[in-house]
Protein backbone atom coordinates (compact mmCIF):
# COMPACT_ATOMS: atom_id res chain seq x y z
CA MET A 1 -187.70 -85.17 -18.84
CA ILE A 2 -186.52 -81.80 -19.28
CA PRO A 3 -183.16 -82.15 -20.70
CA ARG A 4 -180.16 -80.21 -20.14
CA ILE A 5 -179.72 -77.48 -22.61
CA ILE A 6 -176.05 -76.75 -24.47
CA ASP A 7 -176.25 -72.89 -23.26
CA GLN A 8 -176.03 -74.01 -19.63
CA VAL A 9 -172.80 -76.18 -20.16
CA ASP A 10 -169.78 -74.57 -19.77
CA VAL A 11 -167.85 -75.12 -23.35
CA ALA A 12 -164.47 -73.00 -23.05
CA ASN A 13 -161.75 -74.87 -24.49
CA LYS A 14 -164.05 -78.28 -25.16
CA ARG A 15 -164.79 -80.16 -28.12
CA VAL A 16 -168.59 -80.57 -28.42
CA PHE A 17 -169.97 -83.25 -30.53
CA VAL A 18 -173.33 -81.82 -32.24
CA ARG A 19 -175.51 -84.38 -33.77
CA GLY A 20 -177.60 -82.72 -35.89
CA ASP A 21 -180.17 -84.12 -38.68
CA PHE A 22 -178.85 -82.66 -41.88
CA ASN A 23 -180.85 -85.09 -43.93
CA VAL A 24 -182.14 -82.53 -46.24
CA PRO A 25 -184.34 -82.71 -49.58
CA GLN A 26 -181.32 -82.49 -52.63
CA SER A 27 -182.36 -81.89 -56.46
CA GLU A 28 -180.83 -84.58 -58.76
CA ASP A 29 -177.64 -82.48 -59.39
CA GLY A 30 -176.88 -82.45 -55.75
CA GLN A 31 -178.57 -78.77 -54.97
CA ILE A 32 -180.30 -78.65 -51.31
CA THR A 33 -183.98 -77.78 -52.03
CA ASP A 34 -185.02 -77.44 -48.45
CA ASP A 35 -181.96 -76.43 -46.07
CA ARG A 36 -184.63 -75.62 -42.88
CA ARG A 37 -182.99 -78.01 -40.91
CA ILE A 38 -179.55 -76.66 -41.00
CA ARG A 39 -180.86 -73.21 -40.47
CA LEU A 40 -182.26 -73.83 -37.22
CA THR A 41 -179.05 -75.79 -36.10
CA VAL A 42 -176.59 -72.95 -36.98
CA ALA A 43 -177.84 -71.20 -33.44
CA THR A 44 -176.39 -74.25 -31.26
CA ILE A 45 -173.54 -74.42 -33.37
CA GLU A 46 -172.98 -70.64 -32.90
CA SER A 47 -173.66 -70.54 -29.33
CA ILE A 48 -170.97 -73.20 -28.68
CA LEU A 49 -168.14 -71.30 -31.06
CA SER A 50 -168.99 -67.73 -29.67
CA ARG A 51 -168.24 -69.34 -26.23
CA GLY A 52 -165.11 -70.97 -26.94
CA GLY A 53 -166.10 -74.12 -27.77
CA SER A 54 -165.16 -76.26 -31.27
CA VAL A 55 -167.43 -78.34 -32.65
CA VAL A 56 -167.69 -81.69 -34.27
CA LEU A 57 -170.60 -81.92 -36.60
CA ALA A 58 -172.20 -85.29 -37.67
CA SER A 59 -175.50 -86.30 -39.18
CA HIS A 60 -177.24 -88.99 -41.67
CA LEU A 61 -178.02 -88.29 -45.03
CA GLY A 62 -180.68 -90.71 -47.18
CA ARG A 63 -179.91 -94.66 -46.75
CA PRO A 64 -176.93 -95.71 -48.35
CA ALA A 65 -175.86 -99.22 -48.13
CA GLY A 66 -173.52 -98.78 -45.59
CA GLY A 67 -169.76 -100.22 -45.17
CA ALA A 68 -168.26 -97.62 -47.68
CA TYR A 69 -168.50 -94.12 -48.86
CA GLU A 70 -170.94 -93.16 -51.60
CA ALA A 71 -170.53 -90.03 -53.22
CA ALA A 72 -174.19 -89.47 -53.98
CA PHE A 73 -174.58 -89.60 -50.06
CA SER A 74 -171.65 -87.02 -49.40
CA LEU A 75 -172.64 -84.37 -46.66
CA ALA A 76 -169.97 -82.16 -49.17
CA PRO A 77 -173.36 -80.03 -50.06
CA VAL A 78 -173.77 -79.74 -46.35
CA ALA A 79 -170.87 -78.83 -46.02
CA ALA A 80 -171.06 -75.99 -48.47
CA ARG A 81 -174.28 -74.74 -47.09
CA LEU A 82 -173.31 -74.35 -43.16
CA ARG A 83 -170.13 -72.23 -44.77
CA GLU A 84 -172.70 -69.83 -46.20
CA LEU A 85 -174.65 -69.70 -43.50
CA SER A 86 -172.78 -68.91 -40.80
CA PRO A 87 -169.56 -66.43 -40.96
CA LEU A 88 -168.16 -68.36 -37.89
CA LEU A 89 -168.66 -71.64 -39.91
CA LYS A 90 -166.80 -69.88 -42.97
CA ASP A 91 -163.66 -72.22 -42.46
CA LEU A 92 -165.84 -75.25 -42.17
CA THR A 93 -164.06 -78.40 -43.51
CA LEU A 94 -165.59 -82.31 -44.10
CA VAL A 95 -163.18 -84.67 -42.70
CA GLY A 96 -162.83 -87.76 -43.74
CA GLN A 97 -164.88 -90.22 -46.19
CA ARG A 98 -166.07 -92.27 -43.69
CA CYS A 99 -166.58 -91.17 -39.70
CA THR A 100 -164.09 -93.90 -38.12
CA ASP A 101 -161.10 -92.73 -40.77
CA ALA A 102 -157.61 -92.22 -38.90
CA THR A 103 -157.86 -88.73 -40.35
CA VAL A 104 -160.88 -88.04 -38.16
CA ALA A 105 -159.36 -89.05 -34.85
CA THR A 106 -156.75 -86.70 -36.03
CA ALA A 107 -158.72 -83.91 -37.30
CA THR A 108 -160.56 -83.49 -34.37
CA ALA A 109 -157.60 -83.78 -31.95
CA ALA A 110 -156.37 -81.13 -33.09
CA LEU A 111 -159.51 -78.75 -33.07
CA ARG A 112 -158.97 -75.73 -31.11
CA PRO A 113 -160.91 -73.21 -29.44
CA GLY A 114 -164.06 -71.72 -32.13
CA GLY A 115 -162.83 -74.55 -34.91
CA ALA A 116 -165.23 -76.58 -36.47
CA LEU A 117 -165.41 -79.81 -38.82
CA LEU A 118 -168.17 -82.01 -40.47
CA ILE A 119 -167.58 -85.76 -40.61
CA GLU A 120 -169.14 -87.60 -43.42
CA ASN A 121 -172.61 -89.59 -43.34
CA LEU A 122 -172.53 -91.67 -40.02
CA ARG A 123 -174.60 -94.24 -41.90
CA PHE A 124 -171.36 -95.17 -44.11
CA GLU A 125 -170.79 -97.15 -40.93
CA THR A 126 -173.26 -100.28 -41.19
CA GLY A 127 -172.90 -99.86 -36.95
CA GLU A 128 -174.89 -96.76 -37.09
CA LYS A 129 -178.44 -97.80 -37.53
CA LYS A 130 -177.93 -100.91 -35.50
CA GLY A 131 -176.91 -98.71 -32.59
CA ASP A 132 -173.27 -100.32 -32.42
CA VAL A 133 -171.72 -99.54 -29.07
CA ALA A 134 -168.48 -100.20 -30.78
CA LEU A 135 -169.32 -97.30 -33.31
CA ALA A 136 -170.12 -95.18 -30.39
CA ALA A 137 -166.61 -95.97 -28.37
CA THR A 138 -165.03 -94.53 -31.28
CA LEU A 139 -167.11 -91.44 -31.57
CA ALA A 140 -166.92 -90.76 -28.06
CA ASN A 141 -163.12 -90.11 -28.57
CA TYR A 142 -163.88 -87.34 -30.76
CA ALA A 143 -165.64 -85.00 -28.19
CA ASP A 144 -165.74 -83.70 -24.17
CA ILE A 145 -169.38 -82.84 -24.43
CA TYR A 146 -172.27 -84.09 -26.21
CA CYS A 147 -175.53 -82.33 -27.96
CA ASN A 148 -178.14 -84.00 -29.67
CA ASP A 149 -180.06 -81.04 -32.02
CA ALA A 150 -181.30 -84.04 -34.33
CA PHE A 151 -185.15 -83.96 -33.45
CA GLY A 152 -185.66 -85.48 -36.92
CA ALA A 153 -184.06 -89.03 -36.11
CA SER A 154 -184.81 -88.62 -32.35
CA HIS A 155 -187.30 -91.60 -32.49
CA ARG A 156 -184.51 -93.74 -33.68
CA GLY A 157 -182.22 -95.91 -31.78
CA ASP A 158 -179.20 -94.85 -33.99
CA ALA A 159 -175.52 -95.68 -32.21
CA SER A 160 -175.47 -92.12 -32.31
CA MET A 161 -178.60 -91.09 -30.86
CA LEU A 162 -178.39 -93.79 -28.06
CA ALA A 163 -174.89 -95.36 -27.51
CA LEU A 164 -172.93 -92.29 -28.47
CA PRO A 165 -174.23 -90.49 -25.28
CA ALA A 166 -174.45 -93.41 -22.91
CA ALA A 167 -170.52 -93.96 -23.46
CA MET A 168 -170.10 -90.30 -23.19
CA ARG A 169 -171.56 -89.84 -19.84
CA ALA A 170 -170.25 -93.50 -18.45
CA GLN A 171 -166.92 -91.39 -19.27
CA GLY A 172 -168.66 -88.39 -17.39
CA LYS A 173 -168.79 -86.28 -20.12
CA PRO A 174 -172.16 -83.58 -20.36
CA CYS A 175 -174.48 -84.54 -22.53
CA ALA A 176 -177.27 -81.68 -23.35
CA ALA A 177 -179.83 -80.88 -26.16
CA GLY A 178 -179.37 -78.32 -28.76
CA PHE A 179 -181.75 -75.31 -29.27
CA LEU A 180 -183.59 -76.99 -31.93
CA LEU A 181 -184.48 -80.42 -30.15
CA ALA A 182 -185.35 -78.09 -27.05
CA ARG A 183 -187.56 -76.08 -28.72
CA GLU A 184 -189.33 -79.09 -30.52
CA ILE A 185 -189.67 -80.93 -27.13
CA ARG A 186 -191.32 -77.55 -26.06
CA TYR A 187 -194.07 -77.43 -28.59
CA LEU A 188 -194.84 -80.96 -29.29
CA SER A 189 -194.40 -82.55 -25.44
CA GLY A 190 -195.12 -79.55 -23.64
CA VAL A 191 -198.45 -78.13 -25.52
CA LEU A 192 -199.94 -81.57 -25.43
CA ASP A 193 -199.07 -82.31 -22.21
CA ARG A 194 -200.97 -78.40 -21.35
CA PRO A 195 -202.88 -77.24 -23.99
CA GLU A 196 -204.77 -74.09 -24.10
CA LYS A 197 -208.69 -74.56 -24.99
CA PRO A 198 -210.31 -75.03 -27.59
CA PHE A 199 -207.62 -77.68 -28.58
CA VAL A 200 -208.10 -78.59 -32.27
CA ALA A 201 -206.57 -81.00 -34.40
CA ILE A 202 -206.46 -81.29 -38.13
CA VAL A 203 -205.24 -84.77 -39.25
CA GLY A 204 -205.12 -85.95 -43.07
CA GLY A 205 -202.54 -87.98 -45.28
CA ALA A 206 -203.21 -91.05 -47.23
CA LYS A 207 -204.00 -94.12 -44.63
CA VAL A 208 -205.49 -94.41 -41.46
CA SER A 209 -202.84 -96.51 -40.51
CA ASP A 210 -200.40 -94.09 -40.75
CA LYS A 211 -201.86 -91.99 -38.09
CA LEU A 212 -204.11 -94.79 -35.98
CA ILE A 213 -201.66 -94.48 -32.68
CA ALA A 214 -202.02 -90.84 -32.62
CA LEU A 215 -205.54 -90.53 -33.32
CA ARG A 216 -206.50 -92.52 -30.73
CA ASN A 217 -203.47 -90.70 -28.00
CA LEU A 218 -205.45 -87.39 -29.38
CA CYS A 219 -208.96 -88.87 -28.31
CA GLY A 220 -209.80 -87.08 -25.13
CA ARG A 221 -207.11 -84.54 -25.35
CA VAL A 222 -207.95 -82.45 -27.99
CA ASP A 223 -211.68 -81.26 -28.01
CA THR A 224 -212.12 -81.65 -32.08
CA ILE A 225 -210.07 -83.31 -34.77
CA LEU A 226 -210.59 -82.34 -38.29
CA VAL A 227 -210.09 -85.11 -40.48
CA GLY A 228 -209.11 -84.82 -44.70
CA GLY A 229 -206.92 -86.15 -46.98
CA ALA A 230 -207.36 -89.50 -48.60
CA MET A 231 -207.53 -91.24 -45.02
CA ALA A 232 -211.14 -89.08 -44.44
CA TYR A 233 -212.87 -91.83 -47.20
CA THR A 234 -211.97 -94.81 -45.21
CA PHE A 235 -213.70 -93.33 -42.56
CA LEU A 236 -216.62 -92.38 -44.56
CA LYS A 237 -216.78 -95.67 -46.29
CA ALA A 238 -216.65 -97.18 -42.25
CA LEU A 239 -219.88 -95.21 -41.97
CA GLY A 240 -221.78 -96.75 -44.99
CA SER A 241 -220.74 -93.36 -47.28
CA PRO A 242 -220.35 -94.27 -50.94
CA VAL A 243 -217.01 -92.92 -51.74
CA GLY A 244 -216.47 -93.71 -55.11
CA ARG A 245 -212.89 -94.55 -56.47
CA SER A 246 -211.47 -92.84 -53.75
CA LEU A 247 -207.97 -94.47 -51.70
CA VAL A 248 -209.87 -96.32 -49.27
CA GLN A 249 -207.72 -98.97 -46.92
CA GLN A 250 -210.20 -101.68 -46.47
CA GLN A 251 -208.33 -103.53 -44.19
CA MET A 252 -208.69 -100.40 -41.55
CA LEU A 253 -212.71 -100.00 -41.76
CA ASP A 254 -213.40 -101.75 -38.49
CA GLU A 255 -210.18 -99.73 -37.00
CA ALA A 256 -211.88 -96.30 -38.21
CA ARG A 257 -215.07 -97.29 -37.04
CA ALA A 258 -213.23 -97.90 -33.52
CA ILE A 259 -211.65 -94.68 -33.47
CA LEU A 260 -214.96 -92.73 -34.00
CA SER A 261 -216.72 -94.88 -31.02
CA HIS A 262 -213.61 -94.13 -28.94
CA ALA A 263 -213.71 -90.30 -29.69
CA ALA A 264 -217.38 -90.13 -28.35
CA ALA A 265 -216.61 -92.10 -25.81
CA THR A 266 -213.68 -89.37 -24.77
CA SER A 267 -216.02 -86.49 -25.42
CA THR A 268 -214.22 -85.60 -28.35
CA SER A 269 -215.64 -84.66 -31.80
CA ILE A 270 -214.70 -85.98 -35.31
CA VAL A 271 -215.54 -83.55 -37.85
CA LEU A 272 -215.25 -85.41 -41.41
CA PRO A 273 -215.58 -83.77 -44.88
CA PHE A 274 -219.12 -83.42 -46.34
CA ASP A 275 -218.55 -82.34 -49.73
CA HIS A 276 -215.54 -83.00 -51.97
CA VAL A 277 -213.74 -81.55 -55.04
CA CYS A 278 -213.64 -84.71 -57.19
CA GLY A 279 -211.83 -85.60 -60.40
CA GLU A 280 -211.32 -88.94 -62.48
CA ALA A 281 -208.11 -88.86 -61.63
CA LEU A 282 -205.43 -87.17 -59.77
CA ALA A 283 -203.56 -85.77 -62.67
CA LEU A 284 -202.84 -81.94 -63.60
CA GLY A 285 -205.80 -80.66 -65.57
CA THR A 286 -208.61 -83.50 -64.80
CA LEU A 287 -211.94 -82.22 -65.18
CA THR A 288 -213.17 -81.29 -61.88
CA GLN A 289 -216.45 -80.72 -59.71
CA VAL A 290 -217.70 -80.54 -56.11
CA VAL A 291 -219.64 -83.56 -54.69
CA VAL A 292 -222.07 -82.64 -51.75
CA GLY A 293 -222.50 -86.16 -49.93
CA ALA A 294 -222.05 -89.45 -51.95
CA ILE A 295 -219.19 -89.85 -54.28
CA PRO A 296 -220.41 -91.31 -57.95
CA ASP A 297 -218.79 -94.62 -58.80
CA ALA A 298 -216.62 -92.63 -61.74
CA LEU A 299 -215.15 -90.07 -59.52
CA MET A 300 -212.60 -89.83 -56.74
CA GLY A 301 -212.57 -87.53 -53.49
CA LEU A 302 -208.93 -85.09 -54.00
CA ASP A 303 -209.77 -82.41 -52.06
CA ILE A 304 -212.29 -81.13 -49.23
CA GLY A 305 -214.96 -79.08 -50.38
CA PRO A 306 -215.96 -75.47 -50.27
CA ALA A 307 -218.82 -76.33 -47.30
CA THR A 308 -216.20 -78.14 -44.89
CA VAL A 309 -213.35 -75.50 -45.80
CA ALA A 310 -215.96 -73.02 -44.11
CA LYS A 311 -216.77 -75.51 -41.45
CA PHE A 312 -213.20 -76.51 -40.59
CA SER A 313 -212.04 -72.78 -41.09
CA ALA A 314 -214.80 -72.02 -38.56
CA VAL A 315 -213.60 -74.36 -36.07
CA VAL A 316 -210.01 -73.72 -36.14
CA ARG A 317 -210.51 -69.83 -35.91
CA GLY A 318 -212.19 -70.76 -32.55
CA ALA A 319 -209.11 -72.91 -31.10
CA ARG A 320 -206.26 -71.57 -29.19
CA THR A 321 -204.19 -74.94 -29.50
CA ILE A 322 -203.76 -75.89 -33.02
CA VAL A 323 -201.75 -79.44 -34.43
CA TRP A 324 -201.63 -80.09 -37.75
CA ASN A 325 -200.16 -83.46 -38.93
CA GLY A 326 -200.93 -84.48 -42.72
CA PRO A 327 -202.31 -82.21 -45.65
CA LEU A 328 -206.45 -81.93 -46.45
CA GLY A 329 -206.12 -82.66 -50.00
CA ALA A 330 -203.92 -83.68 -52.94
CA PHE A 331 -202.21 -80.34 -52.54
CA GLU A 332 -198.88 -81.21 -55.03
CA THR A 333 -201.32 -81.32 -57.73
CA ALA A 334 -203.66 -78.12 -58.32
CA PRO A 335 -206.15 -77.69 -58.32
CA PHE A 336 -206.28 -79.96 -55.32
CA GLN A 337 -204.51 -77.52 -53.05
CA GLU A 338 -207.29 -75.07 -52.36
CA GLY A 339 -209.14 -76.97 -49.64
CA THR A 340 -205.39 -77.20 -47.41
CA PHE A 341 -204.43 -73.74 -48.18
CA ALA A 342 -207.60 -72.09 -47.25
CA VAL A 343 -207.44 -74.17 -43.83
CA ILE A 344 -203.93 -72.85 -43.21
CA GLU A 345 -204.95 -69.31 -43.64
CA ALA A 346 -207.29 -70.10 -41.30
CA VAL A 347 -204.65 -70.95 -38.74
CA LEU A 348 -202.65 -68.02 -39.28
CA GLU A 349 -205.65 -65.85 -38.66
CA ALA A 350 -206.13 -67.82 -35.10
CA THR A 351 -202.44 -67.62 -34.80
CA ARG A 352 -202.35 -63.92 -34.79
CA ALA A 353 -205.25 -64.09 -32.45
CA GLY A 354 -202.81 -65.65 -30.00
CA ALA A 355 -203.38 -68.97 -30.32
CA THR A 356 -200.35 -71.55 -30.21
CA SER A 357 -200.09 -73.27 -33.99
CA ILE A 358 -198.13 -76.11 -34.73
CA ALA A 359 -197.50 -78.00 -37.69
CA GLY A 360 -195.85 -81.61 -37.88
CA GLY A 361 -194.82 -83.92 -40.50
CA GLY A 362 -192.40 -83.50 -43.49
CA ASP A 363 -196.15 -82.98 -46.18
CA THR A 364 -197.54 -80.55 -43.51
CA ALA A 365 -194.34 -78.59 -43.66
CA ALA A 366 -194.03 -78.61 -47.60
CA ALA A 367 -197.88 -77.47 -47.67
CA VAL A 368 -197.40 -74.78 -45.41
CA GLY A 369 -194.41 -73.77 -46.99
CA ALA A 370 -195.85 -74.26 -50.53
CA ALA A 371 -198.67 -71.61 -49.19
CA GLY A 372 -196.17 -69.29 -47.96
CA ALA A 373 -196.93 -69.44 -44.47
CA SER A 374 -194.36 -71.15 -42.74
CA GLU A 375 -193.53 -67.63 -40.68
CA GLY A 376 -197.02 -67.44 -39.81
CA PHE A 377 -197.04 -70.71 -37.43
CA SER A 378 -195.76 -71.00 -33.95
CA HIS A 379 -193.80 -73.96 -34.52
CA ILE A 380 -192.93 -76.44 -37.45
CA SER A 381 -191.34 -79.51 -36.62
CA THR A 382 -188.68 -80.48 -38.81
CA GLY A 383 -189.39 -84.34 -37.80
CA GLY A 384 -191.91 -86.22 -39.49
CA GLY A 385 -192.13 -89.47 -38.15
CA ALA A 386 -190.83 -88.28 -34.83
CA SER A 387 -193.58 -85.78 -34.48
CA LEU A 388 -196.13 -88.15 -34.81
CA GLU A 389 -194.42 -90.62 -32.46
CA MET A 390 -194.38 -87.66 -30.15
CA LEU A 391 -198.72 -86.88 -30.92
CA GLU A 392 -198.84 -91.05 -30.50
CA GLY A 393 -197.61 -90.57 -26.84
CA LYS A 394 -194.28 -92.22 -27.26
CA GLU A 395 -191.44 -91.16 -25.12
CA PHE A 396 -187.94 -91.00 -26.87
CA GLU A 397 -184.99 -93.06 -25.38
CA CYS A 398 -182.73 -90.47 -26.66
CA LEU A 399 -183.96 -87.82 -24.02
CA ASN A 400 -183.11 -90.11 -21.43
CA ALA A 401 -180.20 -90.48 -22.60
CA LEU A 402 -179.38 -86.92 -21.71
CA ASP A 403 -178.51 -84.84 -18.72
CA SER A 404 -181.75 -84.14 -17.11
CA LEU A 405 -182.47 -80.35 -15.77
CA SER A 406 -185.29 -78.70 -13.35
CA PRO A 407 -187.88 -77.19 -15.09
CA VAL A 408 -186.63 -73.72 -13.20
CA GLY A 409 -184.02 -73.94 -15.64
CA TYR A 410 -185.59 -74.59 -18.88
CA SER A 411 -184.74 -72.56 -22.12
CA GLY A 412 -186.73 -74.38 -25.05
CA SER A 413 -188.42 -71.57 -26.42
CA ARG A 414 -184.80 -69.92 -27.75
CA LYS A 415 -185.05 -70.26 -31.52
């Protein structure tokens, strides 16, 4: 389903409840270290405010116990960053210690066109993660329009994601998608459904079990799957190749063999690493060596080797659609980032040549950022678990909770 987009809703003199995803990483002293999710929601907020609407912003942050305010999980740093990011939000206030406080009801009722406030962490209420309809009914009183711009939480059944739009639609209130959510749908769903060929998937990370459904869903859709990261060693061991002390999910060996068979049956080529950057331990400064083929018992594979990098890069450069989920090595620890960074450069080359490139997942986005390549991809998803579930072919209930729109009016390309 293609949802109605917020710029197709008349917001003049209306209060809009914007469910954002401001669950951003912070340092120990409370400083936001990556504000991308916040920055990408600003366009939605500014569209509403500039058209005479007012905004009630809401999000979760972290994993508080629930049932009480916890200063460590307050959205105060988010409010401060929003005030810095937009002149239209310079007077933004954080209201209440919980989103159900009487002060919140009073403040939302007093909002005037162009006004904005942020309510406290939704997970301070135990009903948020439970999808509680009573909590949703309270939140529904705060606004005249609902806007979902929280792709990173779109695979969850939280009250603010499902029960709230249901309650507001029951009252005849419009429910729309924000620009960030629309863009995610356009790339992750639209590109998967209508990819330009050759279509290449790069899948990495630690565990086959985390990517099992996604791998099965990609078989038959993509031309080639390049497998790296620690999960590659489960596949290699499943094929009988010695992998030394590399991380292996022993219980997934049969599943790995089944995926390889499924890929062959669906004419999808799975390419595994054939040389490796190995070390005795995943530690800064450990001695490394390139191993071709069988890995000695004392070593563990920690990155793809130069010959594999060359092969992966050549496949990527010839692609017209590229989806990447999971790094190809232990990129957080030098020197095991080189394989991932080299293939990122190949993706950038392909993108400059006209390919569509999509990076999904928190670790993938972090690797792309560490390589200084964030601006070079067509799209970098803001949702880790959500992007993976979309690659798995799952349907998100929260999209069905929004008003639908004919494809003619779709404006999901907006940044």
